[in-house]
Amino acid sequence: MLPRVTQQQPPFYAPGLADAGAQIAQLRQVLALVAEMAGRTSLTPRDGDLDEAARVSAAYARALPIDQKRFDGLAAETARWAAAAVRTLLQLDEAGLPVRAAAERLAEALEKALADLAQRLPR
């Protein structure tokens, strides 16, 4: 007997429900942690970061649904790989292994990802 085939619903997507500014702010916080692990001077939150988050939220609200979906996908993907990389760096650091070079490379990748996210939305 063959298994019964059922129709599956696609994942729910509602444009405008994600807070794009908060996503950027969270990634900036991860960048600050990674930069500290890389030995950079401490990145304290700047007023410009708040302005950036507000601009991104406003641009997200103006964006077409397809652009919102692309932004959400890239932000989620970035958050996933950044979280995995930070976990690995923390484990290496706890084991007493050097992490500065890897953290520097991760910081560079996060900076590039943040720039790419900003380019996904209309100005």
PDB file of N, CA and C in Angstrom:
ATOM      1  N   MET A   1       0.842  -1.175   0.000  1.00  0.00           N
ATOM      2  CA  MET A   1       0.000   0.000   0.000  1.00  0.00           C
ATOM      3  C   MET A   1       0.891   1.243   0.000  1.00  0.00           C
ATOM      4  N   LEU A   2       0.586   2.189  -0.853  1.00  0.00           N
ATOM      5  CA  LEU A   2       1.358   3.417  -0.964  1.00  0.00           C
ATOM      6  C   LEU A   2       0.974   4.392   0.147  1.00  0.00           C
ATOM      7  N   PRO A   3       1.940   5.221   0.591  1.00  0.00           N
ATOM      8  CA  PRO A   3       1.599   6.221   1.601  1.00  0.00           C
ATOM      9  C   PRO A   3       0.624   7.245   1.031  1.00  0.00           C
ATOM     10  N   ARG A   4      -0.183   7.743   1.887  1.00  0.00           N
ATOM     11  CA  ARG A   4      -1.173   8.732   1.490  1.00  0.00           C
ATOM     12  C   ARG A   4      -0.502  10.075   1.225  1.00  0.00           C
ATOM     13  N   VAL A   5      -0.824  10.698   0.119  1.00  0.00           N
ATOM     14  CA  VAL A   5      -0.252  11.987  -0.254  1.00  0.00           C
ATOM     15  C   VAL A   5      -1.167  13.090   0.259  1.00  0.00           C
ATOM     16  N   THR A   6      -0.577  14.026   0.944  1.00  0.00           N
ATOM     17  CA  THR A   6      -1.368  15.162   1.430  1.00  0.00           C
ATOM     18  C   THR A   6      -0.747  16.449   0.910  1.00  0.00           C
ATOM     19  N   GLN A   7      -1.569  17.423   0.730  1.00  0.00           N
ATOM     20  CA  GLN A   7      -1.081  18.719   0.279  1.00  0.00           C
ATOM     21  C   GLN A   7      -0.542  19.488   1.483  1.00  0.00           C
ATOM     22  N   GLN A   8       0.648  20.011   1.343  1.00  0.00           N
ATOM     23  CA  GLN A   8       1.271  20.766   2.429  1.00  0.00           C
ATOM     24  C   GLN A   8       1.125  22.257   2.143  1.00  0.00           C
ATOM     25  N   GLN A   9       0.867  23.003   3.197  1.00  0.00           N
ATOM     26  CA  GLN A   9       0.770  24.448   3.066  1.00  0.00           C
ATOM     27  C   GLN A   9       2.176  25.045   3.063  1.00  0.00           C
ATOM     28  N   PRO A  10       2.409  26.070   2.226  1.00  0.00           N
ATOM     29  CA  PRO A  10       3.714  26.734   2.284  1.00  0.00           C
ATOM     30  C   PRO A  10       3.855  27.485   3.601  1.00  0.00           C
ATOM     31  N   PRO A  11       5.088  27.770   4.007  1.00  0.00           N
ATOM     32  CA  PRO A  11       5.277  28.519   5.247  1.00  0.00           C
ATOM     33  C   PRO A  11       4.538  29.858   5.183  1.00  0.00           C
ATOM     34  N   PHE A  12       3.994  30.262   6.294  1.00  0.00           N
ATOM     35  CA  PHE A  12       3.262  31.520   6.371  1.00  0.00           C
ATOM     36  C   PHE A  12       4.211  32.683   6.166  1.00  0.00           C
ATOM     37  N   TYR A  13       3.847  33.604   5.301  1.00  0.00           N
ATOM     38  CA  TYR A  13       4.638  34.804   5.094  1.00  0.00           C
ATOM     39  C   TYR A  13       3.683  35.980   5.046  1.00  0.00           C
ATOM     40  N   ALA A  14       3.895  36.927   5.916  1.00  0.00           N
ATOM     41  CA  ALA A  14       3.085  38.137   5.934  1.00  0.00           C
ATOM     42  C   ALA A  14       4.006  39.331   5.838  1.00  0.00           C
ATOM     43  N   PRO A  15       4.027  39.998   4.685  1.00  0.00           N
ATOM     44  CA  PRO A  15       4.922  41.138   4.539  1.00  0.00           C
ATOM     45  C   PRO A  15       4.675  42.183   5.615  1.00  0.00           C
ATOM     46  N   GLY A  16       5.750  42.784   6.078  1.00  0.00           N
ATOM     47  CA  GLY A  16       5.631  43.875   7.028  1.00  0.00           C
ATOM     48  C   GLY A  16       5.609  43.459   8.482  1.00  0.00           C
ATOM     49  N   LEU A  17       5.544  42.156   8.777  1.00  0.00           N
ATOM     50  CA  LEU A  17       5.493  41.736  10.171  1.00  0.00           C
ATOM     51  C   LEU A  17       6.879  41.689  10.817  1.00  0.00           C
ATOM     52  N   ALA A  18       7.892  41.495  10.003  1.00  0.00           N
ATOM     53  CA  ALA A  18       9.250  41.445  10.557  1.00  0.00           C
ATOM     54  C   ALA A  18       9.710  42.860  10.888  1.00  0.00           C
ATOM     55  N   ASP A  19      10.486  42.995  11.931  1.00  0.00           N
ATOM     56  CA  ASP A  19      11.048  44.287  12.283  1.00  0.00           C
ATOM     57  C   ASP A  19      12.473  44.319  11.745  1.00  0.00           C
ATOM     58  N   ALA A  20      12.610  44.867  10.563  1.00  0.00           N
ATOM     59  CA  ALA A  20      13.907  44.874   9.885  1.00  0.00           C
ATOM     60  C   ALA A  20      14.953  45.649  10.678  1.00  0.00           C
ATOM     61  N   GLY A  21      14.548  46.735  11.288  1.00  0.00           N
ATOM     62  CA  GLY A  21      15.491  47.518  12.086  1.00  0.00           C
ATOM     63  C   GLY A  21      16.027  46.730  13.259  1.00  0.00           C
ATOM     64  N   ALA A  22      15.163  45.954  13.898  1.00  0.00           N
ATOM     65  CA  ALA A  22      15.599  45.122  15.031  1.00  0.00           C
ATOM     66  C   ALA A  22      16.547  44.030  14.556  1.00  0.00           C
ATOM     67  N   GLN A  23      16.289  43.484  13.371  1.00  0.00           N
ATOM     68  CA  GLN A  23      17.184  42.460  12.835  1.00  0.00           C
ATOM     69  C   GLN A  23      18.580  43.038  12.612  1.00  0.00           C
ATOM     70  N   ILE A  24      18.639  44.241  12.057  1.00  0.00           N
ATOM     71  CA  ILE A  24      19.925  44.899  11.828  1.00  0.00           C
ATOM     72  C   ILE A  24      20.608  45.192  13.159  1.00  0.00           C
ATOM     73  N   ALA A  25      19.845  45.678  14.129  1.00  0.00           N
ATOM     74  CA  ALA A  25      20.411  46.005  15.446  1.00  0.00           C
ATOM     75  C   ALA A  25      20.988  44.756  16.117  1.00  0.00           C
ATOM     76  N   GLN A  26      20.289  43.626  16.008  1.00  0.00           N
ATOM     77  CA  GLN A  26      20.794  42.386  16.602  1.00  0.00           C
ATOM     78  C   GLN A  26      22.087  41.941  15.925  1.00  0.00           C
ATOM     79  N   LEU A  27      22.134  42.041  14.611  1.00  0.00           N
ATOM     80  CA  LEU A  27      23.352  41.666  13.899  1.00  0.00           C
ATOM     81  C   LEU A  27      24.496  42.609  14.255  1.00  0.00           C
ATOM     82  N   ARG A  28      24.196  43.875  14.488  1.00  0.00           N
ATOM     83  CA  ARG A  28      25.230  44.838  14.925  1.00  0.00           C
ATOM     84  C   ARG A  28      25.766  44.445  16.308  1.00  0.00           C
ATOM     85  N   GLN A  29      24.888  43.954  17.188  1.00  0.00           N
ATOM     86  CA  GLN A  29      25.335  43.512  18.512  1.00  0.00           C
ATOM     87  C   GLN A  29      26.260  42.300  18.389  1.00  0.00           C
ATOM     88  N   VAL A  30      25.910  41.383  17.493  1.00  0.00           N
ATOM     89  CA  VAL A  30      26.775  40.216  17.251  1.00  0.00           C
ATOM     90  C   VAL A  30      28.114  40.686  16.708  1.00  0.00           C
ATOM     91  N   LEU A  31      28.086  41.645  15.791  1.00  0.00           N
ATOM     92  CA  LEU A  31      29.324  42.197  15.244  1.00  0.00           C
ATOM     93  C   LEU A  31      30.189  42.797  16.344  1.00  0.00           C
ATOM     94  N   ALA A  32      29.588  43.511  17.277  1.00  0.00           N
ATOM     95  CA  ALA A  32      30.356  44.106  18.382  1.00  0.00           C
ATOM     96  C   ALA A  32      31.034  43.025  19.214  1.00  0.00           C
ATOM     97  N   LEU A  33      30.328  41.938  19.500  1.00  0.00           N
ATOM     98  CA  LEU A  33      30.908  40.834  20.265  1.00  0.00           C
ATOM     99  C   LEU A  33      32.076  40.206  19.507  1.00  0.00           C
ATOM    100  N   VAL A  34      31.864  39.944  18.228  1.00  0.00           N
ATOM    101  CA  VAL A  34      32.897  39.305  17.413  1.00  0.00           C
ATOM    102  C   VAL A  34      34.114  40.224  17.269  1.00  0.00           C
ATOM    103  N   ALA A  35      33.860  41.515  17.090  1.00  0.00           N
ATOM    104  CA  ALA A  35      34.962  42.465  16.960  1.00  0.00           C
ATOM    105  C   ALA A  35      35.790  42.496  18.244  1.00  0.00           C
ATOM    106  N   GLU A  36      35.135  42.402  19.375  1.00  0.00           N
ATOM    107  CA  GLU A  36      35.843  42.351  20.659  1.00  0.00           C
ATOM    108  C   GLU A  36      36.700  41.089  20.745  1.00  0.00           C
ATOM    109  N   MET A  37      36.155  39.963  20.284  1.00  0.00           N
ATOM    110  CA  MET A  37      36.919  38.717  20.286  1.00  0.00           C
ATOM    111  C   MET A  37      38.116  38.799  19.339  1.00  0.00           C
ATOM    112  N   ALA A  38      37.980  39.630  18.298  1.00  0.00           N
ATOM    113  CA  ALA A  38      39.056  39.791  17.324  1.00  0.00           C
ATOM    114  C   ALA A  38      40.137  40.745  17.821  1.00  0.00           C
ATOM    115  N   GLY A  39      39.878  41.373  18.974  1.00  0.00           N
ATOM    116  CA  GLY A  39      40.867  42.277  19.528  1.00  0.00           C
ATOM    117  C   GLY A  39      40.704  43.717  19.088  1.00  0.00           C
ATOM    118  N   ARG A  40      39.621  43.999  18.381  1.00  0.00           N
ATOM    119  CA  ARG A  40      39.356  45.383  17.991  1.00  0.00           C
ATOM    120  C   ARG A  40      38.940  46.161  19.229  1.00  0.00           C
ATOM    121  N   THR A  41      39.083  47.465  19.150  1.00  0.00           N
ATOM    122  CA  THR A  41      38.610  48.279  20.262  1.00  0.00           C
ATOM    123  C   THR A  41      37.107  48.090  20.375  1.00  0.00           C
ATOM    124  N   SER A  42      36.606  48.169  21.563  1.00  0.00           N
ATOM    125  CA  SER A  42      35.199  47.913  21.823  1.00  0.00           C
ATOM    126  C   SER A  42      34.315  48.820  20.985  1.00  0.00           C
ATOM    127  N   LEU A  43      33.379  48.214  20.298  1.00  0.00           N
ATOM    128  CA  LEU A  43      32.420  48.971  19.500  1.00  0.00           C
ATOM    129  C   LEU A  43      31.214  49.291  20.381  1.00  0.00           C
ATOM    130  N   THR A  44      31.146  50.501  20.848  1.00  0.00           N
ATOM    131  CA  THR A  44      29.998  50.894  21.663  1.00  0.00           C
ATOM    132  C   THR A  44      28.879  51.317  20.728  1.00  0.00           C
ATOM    133  N   PRO A  45      27.644  51.096  21.132  1.00  0.00           N
ATOM    134  CA  PRO A  45      26.529  51.519  20.291  1.00  0.00           C
ATOM    135  C   PRO A  45      26.600  53.021  20.015  1.00  0.00           C
ATOM    136  N   ARG A  46      26.370  53.379  18.787  1.00  0.00           N
ATOM    137  CA  ARG A  46      26.398  54.781  18.388  1.00  0.00           C
ATOM    138  C   ARG A  46      24.985  55.232  18.062  1.00  0.00           C
ATOM    139  N   ASP A  47      24.782  56.539  18.091  1.00  0.00           N
ATOM    140  CA  ASP A  47      23.490  57.079  17.669  1.00  0.00           C
ATOM    141  C   ASP A  47      23.219  56.721  16.215  1.00  0.00           C
ATOM    142  N   GLY A  48      24.290  56.634  15.432  1.00  0.00           N
ATOM    143  CA  GLY A  48      24.143  56.267  14.025  1.00  0.00           C
ATOM    144  C   GLY A  48      23.547  54.884  13.846  1.00  0.00           C
ATOM    145  N   ASP A  49      23.820  53.982  14.801  1.00  0.00           N
ATOM    146  CA  ASP A  49      23.240  52.636  14.730  1.00  0.00           C
ATOM    147  C   ASP A  49      21.726  52.701  14.889  1.00  0.00           C
ATOM    148  N   LEU A  50      21.266  53.559  15.806  1.00  0.00           N
ATOM    149  CA  LEU A  50      19.821  53.720  15.986  1.00  0.00           C
ATOM    150  C   LEU A  50      19.197  54.346  14.747  1.00  0.00           C
ATOM    151  N   ASP A  51      19.898  55.336  14.182  1.00  0.00           N
ATOM    152  CA  ASP A  51      19.408  55.959  12.947  1.00  0.00           C
ATOM    153  C   ASP A  51      19.334  54.928  11.826  1.00  0.00           C
ATOM    154  N   GLU A  52      20.372  54.084  11.736  1.00  0.00           N
ATOM    155  CA  GLU A  52      20.386  53.050  10.702  1.00  0.00           C
ATOM    156  C   GLU A  52      19.194  52.112  10.865  1.00  0.00           C
ATOM    157  N   ALA A  53      18.936  51.684  12.086  1.00  0.00           N
ATOM    158  CA  ALA A  53      17.814  50.772  12.334  1.00  0.00           C
ATOM    159  C   ALA A  53      16.493  51.440  11.939  1.00  0.00           C
ATOM    160  N   ALA A  54      16.338  52.711  12.244  1.00  0.00           N
ATOM    161  CA  ALA A  54      15.105  53.424  11.881  1.00  0.00           C
ATOM    162  C   ALA A  54      14.993  53.554  10.362  1.00  0.00           C
ATOM    163  N   ARG A  55      16.106  53.862   9.686  1.00  0.00           N
ATOM    164  CA  ARG A  55      16.074  53.979   8.221  1.00  0.00           C
ATOM    165  C   ARG A  55      15.729  52.637   7.579  1.00  0.00           C
ATOM    166  N   VAL A  56      16.312  51.569   8.102  1.00  0.00           N
ATOM    167  CA  VAL A  56      16.038  50.240   7.542  1.00  0.00           C
ATOM    168  C   VAL A  56      14.569  49.875   7.750  1.00  0.00           C
ATOM    169  N   SER A  57      14.026  50.156   8.938  1.00  0.00           N
ATOM    170  CA  SER A  57      12.612  49.867   9.196  1.00  0.00           C
ATOM    171  C   SER A  57      11.715  50.645   8.243  1.00  0.00           C
ATOM    172  N   ALA A  58      12.035  51.912   8.016  1.00  0.00           N
ATOM    173  CA  ALA A  58      11.227  52.736   7.107  1.00  0.00           C
ATOM    174  C   ALA A  58      11.347  52.234   5.671  1.00  0.00           C
ATOM    175  N   ALA A  59      12.552  51.876   5.244  1.00  0.00           N
ATOM    176  CA  ALA A  59      12.753  51.358   3.889  1.00  0.00           C
ATOM    177  C   ALA A  59      12.028  50.030   3.705  1.00  0.00           C
ATOM    178  N   TYR A  60      12.050  49.205   4.737  1.00  0.00           N
ATOM    179  CA  TYR A  60      11.354  47.914   4.698  1.00  0.00           C
ATOM    180  C   TYR A  60       9.852  48.137   4.507  1.00  0.00           C
ATOM    181  N   ALA A  61       9.312  49.104   5.230  1.00  0.00           N
ATOM    182  CA  ALA A  61       7.870  49.396   5.132  1.00  0.00           C
ATOM    183  C   ALA A  61       7.499  49.861   3.729  1.00  0.00           C
ATOM    184  N   ARG A  62       8.406  50.540   3.044  1.00  0.00           N
ATOM    185  CA  ARG A  62       8.143  51.040   1.686  1.00  0.00           C
ATOM    186  C   ARG A  62       8.415  49.997   0.609  1.00  0.00           C
ATOM    187  N   ALA A  63       9.157  48.962   0.951  1.00  0.00           N
ATOM    188  CA  ALA A  63       9.605  47.980  -0.040  1.00  0.00           C
ATOM    189  C   ALA A  63       8.449  47.126  -0.551  1.00  0.00           C
ATOM    190  N   LEU A  64       8.629  46.618  -1.751  1.00  0.00           N
ATOM    191  CA  LEU A  64       7.669  45.668  -2.319  1.00  0.00           C
ATOM    192  C   LEU A  64       7.731  44.364  -1.525  1.00  0.00           C
ATOM    193  N   PRO A  65       6.642  43.617  -1.505  1.00  0.00           N
ATOM    194  CA  PRO A  65       6.640  42.347  -0.767  1.00  0.00           C
ATOM    195  C   PRO A  65       7.773  41.400  -1.166  1.00  0.00           C
ATOM    196  N   ILE A  66       8.121  41.350  -2.443  1.00  0.00           N
ATOM    197  CA  ILE A  66       9.211  40.459  -2.862  1.00  0.00           C
ATOM    198  C   ILE A  66      10.543  40.919  -2.275  1.00  0.00           C
ATOM    199  N   ASP A  67      10.744  42.235  -2.206  1.00  0.00           N
ATOM    200  CA  ASP A  67      11.971  42.759  -1.606  1.00  0.00           C
ATOM    201  C   ASP A  67      11.996  42.492  -0.099  1.00  0.00           C
ATOM    202  N   GLN A  68      10.844  42.602   0.543  1.00  0.00           N
ATOM    203  CA  GLN A  68      10.759  42.290   1.973  1.00  0.00           C
ATOM    204  C   GLN A  68      11.107  40.823   2.215  1.00  0.00           C
ATOM    205  N   LYS A  69      10.580  39.968   1.366  1.00  0.00           N
ATOM    206  CA  LYS A  69      10.832  38.535   1.521  1.00  0.00           C
ATOM    207  C   LYS A  69      12.313  38.220   1.308  1.00  0.00           C
ATOM    208  N   ARG A  70      12.921  38.854   0.328  1.00  0.00           N
ATOM    209  CA  ARG A  70      14.355  38.644   0.085  1.00  0.00           C
ATOM    210  C   ARG A  70      15.188  39.150   1.264  1.00  0.00           C
ATOM    211  N   PHE A  71      14.819  40.310   1.791  1.00  0.00           N
ATOM    212  CA  PHE A  71      15.515  40.850   2.956  1.00  0.00           C
ATOM    213  C   PHE A  71      15.383  39.891   4.130  1.00  0.00           C
ATOM    214  N   ASP A  72      14.159  39.435   4.390  1.00  0.00           N
ATOM    215  CA  ASP A  72      13.925  38.513   5.506  1.00  0.00           C
ATOM    216  C   ASP A  72      14.745  37.239   5.353  1.00  0.00           C
ATOM    217  N   GLY A  73      14.795  36.715   4.137  1.00  0.00           N
ATOM    218  CA  GLY A  73      15.558  35.492   3.893  1.00  0.00           C
ATOM    219  C   GLY A  73      17.042  35.686   4.131  1.00  0.00           C
ATOM    220  N   LEU A  74      17.584  36.796   3.615  1.00  0.00           N
ATOM    221  CA  LEU A  74      19.005  37.064   3.810  1.00  0.00           C
ATOM    222  C   LEU A  74      19.317  37.351   5.273  1.00  0.00           C
ATOM    223  N   ALA A  75      18.438  38.082   5.958  1.00  0.00           N
ATOM    224  CA  ALA A  75      18.655  38.379   7.381  1.00  0.00           C
ATOM    225  C   ALA A  75      18.625  37.088   8.203  1.00  0.00           C
ATOM    226  N   ALA A  76      17.689  36.203   7.906  1.00  0.00           N
ATOM    227  CA  ALA A  76      17.590  34.935   8.639  1.00  0.00           C
ATOM    228  C   ALA A  76      18.812  34.062   8.371  1.00  0.00           C
ATOM    229  N   GLU A  77      19.229  34.001   7.116  1.00  0.00           N
ATOM    230  CA  GLU A  77      20.417  33.208   6.769  1.00  0.00           C
ATOM    231  C   GLU A  77      21.659  33.768   7.470  1.00  0.00           C
ATOM    232  N   THR A  78      21.796  35.079   7.469  1.00  0.00           N
ATOM    233  CA  THR A  78      22.940  35.718   8.124  1.00  0.00           C
ATOM    234  C   THR A  78      22.934  35.429   9.620  1.00  0.00           C
ATOM    235  N   ALA A  79      21.759  35.533  10.230  1.00  0.00           N
ATOM    236  CA  ALA A  79      21.647  35.269  11.670  1.00  0.00           C
ATOM    237  C   ALA A  79      22.018  33.817  11.984  1.00  0.00           C
ATOM    238  N   ARG A  80      21.616  32.883  11.121  1.00  0.00           N
ATOM    239  CA  ARG A  80      21.929  31.465  11.353  1.00  0.00           C
ATOM    240  C   ARG A  80      23.428  31.214  11.308  1.00  0.00           C
ATOM    241  N   TRP A  81      24.097  31.689  10.232  1.00  0.00           N
ATOM    242  CA  TRP A  81      25.525  31.385  10.147  1.00  0.00           C
ATOM    243  C   TRP A  81      26.328  32.173  11.173  1.00  0.00           C
ATOM    244  N   ALA A  82      25.879  33.371  11.493  1.00  0.00           N
ATOM    245  CA  ALA A  82      26.583  34.149  12.516  1.00  0.00           C
ATOM    246  C   ALA A  82      26.472  33.467  13.883  1.00  0.00           C
ATOM    247  N   ALA A  83      25.295  32.971  14.210  1.00  0.00           N
ATOM    248  CA  ALA A  83      25.101  32.286  15.500  1.00  0.00           C
ATOM    249  C   ALA A  83      25.966  31.033  15.578  1.00  0.00           C
ATOM    250  N   ALA A  84      26.001  30.265  14.503  1.00  0.00           N
ATOM    251  CA  ALA A  84      26.822  29.051  14.494  1.00  0.00           C
ATOM    252  C   ALA A  84      28.301  29.397  14.631  1.00  0.00           C
ATOM    253  N   ALA A  85      28.740  30.433  13.956  1.00  0.00           N
ATOM    254  CA  ALA A  85      30.146  30.831  14.016  1.00  0.00           C
ATOM    255  C   ALA A  85      30.522  31.346  15.408  1.00  0.00           C
ATOM    256  N   VAL A  86      29.631  32.125  16.017  1.00  0.00           N
ATOM    257  CA  VAL A  86      29.915  32.641  17.364  1.00  0.00           C
ATOM    258  C   VAL A  86      29.976  31.494  18.363  1.00  0.00           C
ATOM    259  N   ARG A  87      29.055  30.545  18.257  1.00  0.00           N
ATOM    260  CA  ARG A  87      29.097  29.369  19.148  1.00  0.00           C
ATOM    261  C   ARG A  87      30.439  28.652  19.020  1.00  0.00           C
ATOM    262  N   THR A  88      30.894  28.469  17.795  1.00  0.00           N
ATOM    263  CA  THR A  88      32.167  27.792  17.558  1.00  0.00           C
ATOM    264  C   THR A  88      33.325  28.598  18.138  1.00  0.00           C
ATOM    265  N   LEU A  89      33.312  29.905  17.919  1.00  0.00           N
ATOM    266  CA  LEU A  89      34.379  30.744  18.477  1.00  0.00           C
ATOM    267  C   LEU A  89      34.410  30.665  20.002  1.00  0.00           C
ATOM    268  N   LEU A  90      33.239  30.692  20.619  1.00  0.00           N
ATOM    269  CA  LEU A  90      33.177  30.619  22.079  1.00  0.00           C
ATOM    270  C   LEU A  90      33.696  29.278  22.588  1.00  0.00           C
ATOM    271  N   GLN A  91      33.371  28.203  21.896  1.00  0.00           N
ATOM    272  CA  GLN A  91      33.866  26.886  22.287  1.00  0.00           C
ATOM    273  C   GLN A  91      35.385  26.814  22.151  1.00  0.00           C
ATOM    274  N   LEU A  92      35.910  27.356  21.059  1.00  0.00           N
ATOM    275  CA  LEU A  92      37.360  27.369  20.866  1.00  0.00           C
ATOM    276  C   LEU A  92      38.042  28.208  21.940  1.00  0.00           C
ATOM    277  N   ASP A  93      37.436  29.357  22.247  1.00  0.00           N
ATOM    278  CA  ASP A  93      38.002  30.235  23.272  1.00  0.00           C
ATOM    279  C   ASP A  93      37.999  29.551  24.640  1.00  0.00           C
ATOM    280  N   GLU A  94      36.907  28.869  24.967  1.00  0.00           N
ATOM    281  CA  GLU A  94      36.832  28.149  26.245  1.00  0.00           C
ATOM    282  C   GLU A  94      37.866  27.028  26.325  1.00  0.00           C
ATOM    283  N   ALA A  95      38.217  26.460  25.177  1.00  0.00           N
ATOM    284  CA  ALA A  95      39.218  25.393  25.137  1.00  0.00           C
ATOM    285  C   ALA A  95      40.640  25.948  25.149  1.00  0.00           C
ATOM    286  N   GLY A  96      40.747  27.279  25.187  1.00  0.00           N
ATOM    287  CA  GLY A  96      42.061  27.897  25.237  1.00  0.00           C
ATOM    288  C   GLY A  96      42.749  28.030  23.893  1.00  0.00           C
ATOM    289  N   LEU A  97      42.005  27.855  22.826  1.00  0.00           N
ATOM    290  CA  LEU A  97      42.584  27.961  21.482  1.00  0.00           C
ATOM    291  C   LEU A  97      42.468  29.398  20.973  1.00  0.00           C
ATOM    292  N   PRO A  98      43.364  29.812  20.073  1.00  0.00           N
ATOM    293  CA  PRO A  98      43.316  31.183  19.562  1.00  0.00           C
ATOM    294  C   PRO A  98      42.097  31.394  18.652  1.00  0.00           C
ATOM    295  N   VAL A  99      41.459  32.555  18.810  1.00  0.00           N
ATOM    296  CA  VAL A  99      40.263  32.845  18.011  1.00  0.00           C
ATOM    297  C   VAL A  99      40.347  34.187  17.297  1.00  0.00           C
ATOM    298  N   ARG A 100      41.395  34.951  17.540  1.00  0.00           N
ATOM    299  CA  ARG A 100      41.450  36.314  16.995  1.00  0.00           C
ATOM    300  C   ARG A 100      41.326  36.353  15.479  1.00  0.00           C
ATOM    301  N   ALA A 101      42.082  35.538  14.777  1.00  0.00           N
ATOM    302  CA  ALA A 101      42.065  35.569  13.315  1.00  0.00           C
ATOM    303  C   ALA A 101      40.691  35.163  12.774  1.00  0.00           C
ATOM    304  N   ALA A 102      40.131  34.111  13.345  1.00  0.00           N
ATOM    305  CA  ALA A 102      38.807  33.662  12.904  1.00  0.00           C
ATOM    306  C   ALA A 102      37.744  34.700  13.236  1.00  0.00           C
ATOM    307  N   ALA A 103      37.856  35.321  14.397  1.00  0.00           N
ATOM    308  CA  ALA A 103      36.895  36.354  14.779  1.00  0.00           C
ATOM    309  C   ALA A 103      37.014  37.566  13.862  1.00  0.00           C
ATOM    310  N   GLU A 104      38.226  37.914  13.474  1.00  0.00           N
ATOM    311  CA  GLU A 104      38.421  39.040  12.542  1.00  0.00           C
ATOM    312  C   GLU A 104      37.762  38.744  11.207  1.00  0.00           C
ATOM    313  N   ARG A 105      37.960  37.518  10.732  1.00  0.00           N
ATOM    314  CA  ARG A 105      37.342  37.117   9.444  1.00  0.00           C
ATOM    315  C   ARG A 105      35.823  37.133   9.565  1.00  0.00           C
ATOM    316  N   LEU A 106      35.296  36.659  10.680  1.00  0.00           N
ATOM    317  CA  LEU A 106      33.848  36.672  10.891  1.00  0.00           C
ATOM    318  C   LEU A 106      33.329  38.102  10.965  1.00  0.00           C
ATOM    319  N   ALA A 107      34.062  38.987  11.630  1.00  0.00           N
ATOM    320  CA  ALA A 107      33.651  40.386  11.714  1.00  0.00           C
ATOM    321  C   ALA A 107      33.579  41.000  10.317  1.00  0.00           C
ATOM    322  N   GLU A 108      34.556  40.697   9.485  1.00  0.00           N
ATOM    323  CA  GLU A 108      34.542  41.203   8.108  1.00  0.00           C
ATOM    324  C   GLU A 108      33.333  40.664   7.337  1.00  0.00           C
ATOM    325  N   ALA A 109      33.038  39.383   7.519  1.00  0.00           N
ATOM    326  CA  ALA A 109      31.891  38.781   6.843  1.00  0.00           C
ATOM    327  C   ALA A 109      30.581  39.405   7.324  1.00  0.00           C
ATOM    328  N   LEU A 110      30.478  39.673   8.622  1.00  0.00           N
ATOM    329  CA  LEU A 110      29.274  40.315   9.154  1.00  0.00           C
ATOM    330  C   LEU A 110      29.120  41.734   8.625  1.00  0.00           C
ATOM    331  N   GLU A 111      30.223  42.475   8.540  1.00  0.00           N
ATOM    332  CA  GLU A 111      30.163  43.831   7.987  1.00  0.00           C
ATOM    333  C   GLU A 111      29.668  43.806   6.547  1.00  0.00           C
ATOM    334  N   LYS A 112      30.163  42.844   5.769  1.00  0.00           N
ATOM    335  CA  LYS A 112      29.729  42.710   4.375  1.00  0.00           C
ATOM    336  C   LYS A 112      28.253  42.321   4.307  1.00  0.00           C
ATOM    337  N   ALA A 113      27.838  41.405   5.169  1.00  0.00           N
ATOM    338  CA  ALA A 113      26.438  40.971   5.181  1.00  0.00           C
ATOM    339  C   ALA A 113      25.510  42.123   5.552  1.00  0.00           C
ATOM    340  N   LEU A 114      25.913  42.943   6.512  1.00  0.00           N
ATOM    341  CA  LEU A 114      25.101  44.105   6.886  1.00  0.00           C
ATOM    342  C   LEU A 114      24.980  45.085   5.725  1.00  0.00           C
ATOM    343  N   ALA A 115      26.070  45.281   4.988  1.00  0.00           N
ATOM    344  CA  ALA A 115      26.026  46.155   3.813  1.00  0.00           C
ATOM    345  C   ALA A 115      25.115  45.562   2.737  1.00  0.00           C
ATOM    346  N   ASP A 116      25.200  44.243   2.542  1.00  0.00           N
ATOM    347  CA  ASP A 116      24.332  43.582   1.564  1.00  0.00           C
ATOM    348  C   ASP A 116      22.861  43.715   1.950  1.00  0.00           C
ATOM    349  N   LEU A 117      22.570  43.583   3.233  1.00  0.00           N
ATOM    350  CA  LEU A 117      21.182  43.737   3.685  1.00  0.00           C
ATOM    351  C   LEU A 117      20.667  45.141   3.403  1.00  0.00           C
ATOM    352  N   ALA A 118      21.487  46.131   3.654  1.00  0.00           N
ATOM    353  CA  ALA A 118      21.075  47.519   3.404  1.00  0.00           C
ATOM    354  C   ALA A 118      20.786  47.748   1.925  1.00  0.00           C
ATOM    355  N   GLN A 119      21.496  47.052   1.049  1.00  0.00           N
ATOM    356  CA  GLN A 119      21.295  47.201  -0.397  1.00  0.00           C
ATOM    357  C   GLN A 119      20.018  46.522  -0.888  1.00  0.00           C
ATOM    358  N   ARG A 120      19.448  45.630  -0.090  1.00  0.00           N
ATOM    359  CA  ARG A 120      18.249  44.894  -0.494  1.00  0.00           C
ATOM    360  C   ARG A 120      16.993  45.740  -0.470  1.00  0.00           C
ATOM    361  N   LEU A 121      17.059  46.872   0.225  1.00  0.00           N
ATOM    362  CA  LEU A 121      15.860  47.695   0.384  1.00  0.00           C
ATOM    363  C   LEU A 121      16.010  49.004  -0.374  1.00  0.00           C
ATOM    364  N   PRO A 122      14.886  49.559  -0.852  1.00  0.00           N
ATOM    365  CA  PRO A 122      14.957  50.840  -1.563  1.00  0.00           C
ATOM    366  C   PRO A 122      15.386  51.955  -0.616  1.00  0.00           C
ATOM    367  N   ARG A 123      15.984  52.950  -1.167  1.00  0.00           N
ATOM    368  CA  ARG A 123      16.451  54.092  -0.362  1.00  0.00           C
ATOM    369  C   ARG A 123      15.365  55.130  -0.218  1.00  0.00           C
TER     370      ARG A 123
END
